[in-house]
């Protein structure tokens, strides 16, 4: 799937699959401590 998306591009991927593109698909790396579990505390 990754190679297919890289080949056709993200814009065409969403167009061909019919999936809606929302702002939640973009990770701007803000607040990375919350998006990537970087603490040493184990969370379940």
N, C-alpha and C. Protein backbone atom coordinates (compact mmCIF):
# COMPACT_ATOMS: atom_id res chain seq x y z
N UNK A 1 0.82 -1.17 0.00
CA UNK A 1 0.00 0.00 0.00
C UNK A 1 0.88 1.25 0.00
N UNK A 2 1.94 1.25 0.79
CA UNK A 2 2.83 2.42 0.82
C UNK A 2 3.40 2.74 -0.54
N UNK A 3 3.85 1.72 -1.25
CA UNK A 3 4.45 1.96 -2.57
C UNK A 3 3.41 2.50 -3.55
N UNK A 4 2.19 2.03 -3.44
CA UNK A 4 1.12 2.51 -4.31
C UNK A 4 0.85 3.99 -4.03
N UNK A 5 0.76 4.35 -2.76
CA UNK A 5 0.49 5.75 -2.40
C UNK A 5 1.66 6.63 -2.83
N UNK A 6 2.88 6.16 -2.63
CA UNK A 6 4.05 6.94 -3.06
C UNK A 6 4.05 7.13 -4.58
N UNK A 7 3.62 6.12 -5.30
CA UNK A 7 3.62 6.20 -6.76
C UNK A 7 2.55 7.16 -7.30
N UNK A 8 1.33 7.10 -6.75
CA UNK A 8 0.25 7.93 -7.29
C UNK A 8 0.09 9.26 -6.55
N UNK A 9 0.61 9.36 -5.33
CA UNK A 9 0.49 10.59 -4.54
C UNK A 9 -0.74 10.56 -3.65
N UNK A 10 -0.68 11.34 -2.57
CA UNK A 10 -1.78 11.33 -1.60
C UNK A 10 -3.07 11.91 -2.17
N UNK A 11 -2.95 12.94 -2.98
CA UNK A 11 -4.16 13.56 -3.54
C UNK A 11 -4.94 12.55 -4.38
N UNK A 12 -4.24 11.82 -5.24
CA UNK A 12 -4.90 10.81 -6.07
C UNK A 12 -5.36 9.61 -5.26
N UNK A 13 -4.66 9.29 -4.18
CA UNK A 13 -5.07 8.18 -3.32
C UNK A 13 -6.45 8.44 -2.75
N UNK A 14 -6.64 9.63 -2.18
CA UNK A 14 -7.95 9.94 -1.60
C UNK A 14 -9.02 10.06 -2.67
N UNK A 15 -8.66 10.52 -3.86
CA UNK A 15 -9.62 10.63 -4.95
C UNK A 15 -10.06 9.25 -5.43
N UNK A 16 -9.10 8.32 -5.59
CA UNK A 16 -9.42 6.98 -6.11
C UNK A 16 -10.16 6.12 -5.09
N UNK A 17 -9.83 6.26 -3.80
CA UNK A 17 -10.48 5.44 -2.79
C UNK A 17 -11.81 5.99 -2.33
N UNK A 18 -12.04 7.30 -2.57
CA UNK A 18 -13.30 7.89 -2.15
C UNK A 18 -13.34 8.23 -0.67
N UNK A 19 -12.21 8.13 0.01
CA UNK A 19 -12.15 8.48 1.43
C UNK A 19 -12.11 9.99 1.58
N UNK A 20 -12.83 10.53 2.55
CA UNK A 20 -12.77 11.98 2.76
C UNK A 20 -11.47 12.36 3.45
N UNK A 21 -10.84 13.44 3.00
CA UNK A 21 -9.62 13.93 3.63
C UNK A 21 -10.01 14.98 4.65
N UNK A 22 -9.61 14.78 5.90
CA UNK A 22 -9.93 15.72 6.97
C UNK A 22 -8.64 16.24 7.59
N UNK A 23 -8.77 17.20 8.45
CA UNK A 23 -7.60 17.77 9.11
C UNK A 23 -6.95 16.78 10.07
N UNK A 24 -7.65 15.72 10.43
CA UNK A 24 -7.11 14.73 11.35
C UNK A 24 -6.11 13.80 10.68
N UNK A 25 -6.02 13.82 9.35
CA UNK A 25 -5.03 13.01 8.64
C UNK A 25 -3.64 13.61 8.68
N UNK A 26 -3.53 14.88 9.08
CA UNK A 26 -2.24 15.57 9.08
C UNK A 26 -1.69 15.62 10.50
N UNK A 27 -0.49 15.10 10.69
CA UNK A 27 0.19 15.21 11.98
C UNK A 27 1.32 16.21 11.82
N UNK A 28 1.16 17.37 12.42
CA UNK A 28 2.16 18.41 12.28
C UNK A 28 3.25 18.33 13.35
N UNK A 29 3.29 17.26 14.06
CA UNK A 29 4.27 16.99 15.11
C UNK A 29 4.17 17.98 16.26
N UNK A 30 3.05 18.62 16.39
CA UNK A 30 2.81 19.45 17.56
C UNK A 30 2.38 18.55 18.70
N UNK A 31 2.79 18.87 19.88
CA UNK A 31 2.45 18.07 21.07
C UNK A 31 2.88 16.62 20.90
N UNK A 32 4.12 16.40 20.48
CA UNK A 32 4.57 15.04 20.19
C UNK A 32 4.59 14.15 21.42
N UNK A 33 4.74 14.71 22.59
CA UNK A 33 4.71 13.87 23.79
C UNK A 33 3.38 13.14 23.90
N UNK A 34 2.32 13.75 23.41
CA UNK A 34 1.01 13.12 23.50
C UNK A 34 0.73 12.22 22.30
N UNK A 35 1.24 12.56 21.13
CA UNK A 35 0.98 11.71 19.96
C UNK A 35 1.91 10.52 19.92
N UNK A 36 3.15 10.71 20.30
CA UNK A 36 4.09 9.60 20.38
C UNK A 36 4.34 9.32 21.86
N UNK A 37 4.15 8.13 22.29
CA UNK A 37 4.31 7.81 23.70
C UNK A 37 5.80 7.84 24.04
N UNK A 38 6.32 9.00 24.41
CA UNK A 38 7.76 9.17 24.62
C UNK A 38 8.16 9.06 26.08
N UNK A 39 7.22 8.96 26.97
CA UNK A 39 7.59 8.89 28.39
C UNK A 39 8.01 7.47 28.72
N UNK A 40 8.68 7.32 29.85
CA UNK A 40 9.10 5.99 30.29
C UNK A 40 8.00 5.30 31.10
N UNK A 41 6.92 6.05 31.38
CA UNK A 41 5.79 5.49 32.11
C UNK A 41 5.00 4.56 31.19
N UNK A 42 4.71 3.36 31.65
CA UNK A 42 3.95 2.40 30.85
C UNK A 42 2.47 2.66 31.02
N UNK A 43 1.78 2.87 29.92
CA UNK A 43 0.34 3.14 29.96
C UNK A 43 -0.41 1.97 29.34
N UNK A 44 -1.49 1.61 29.98
CA UNK A 44 -2.33 0.54 29.46
C UNK A 44 -3.68 1.06 29.10
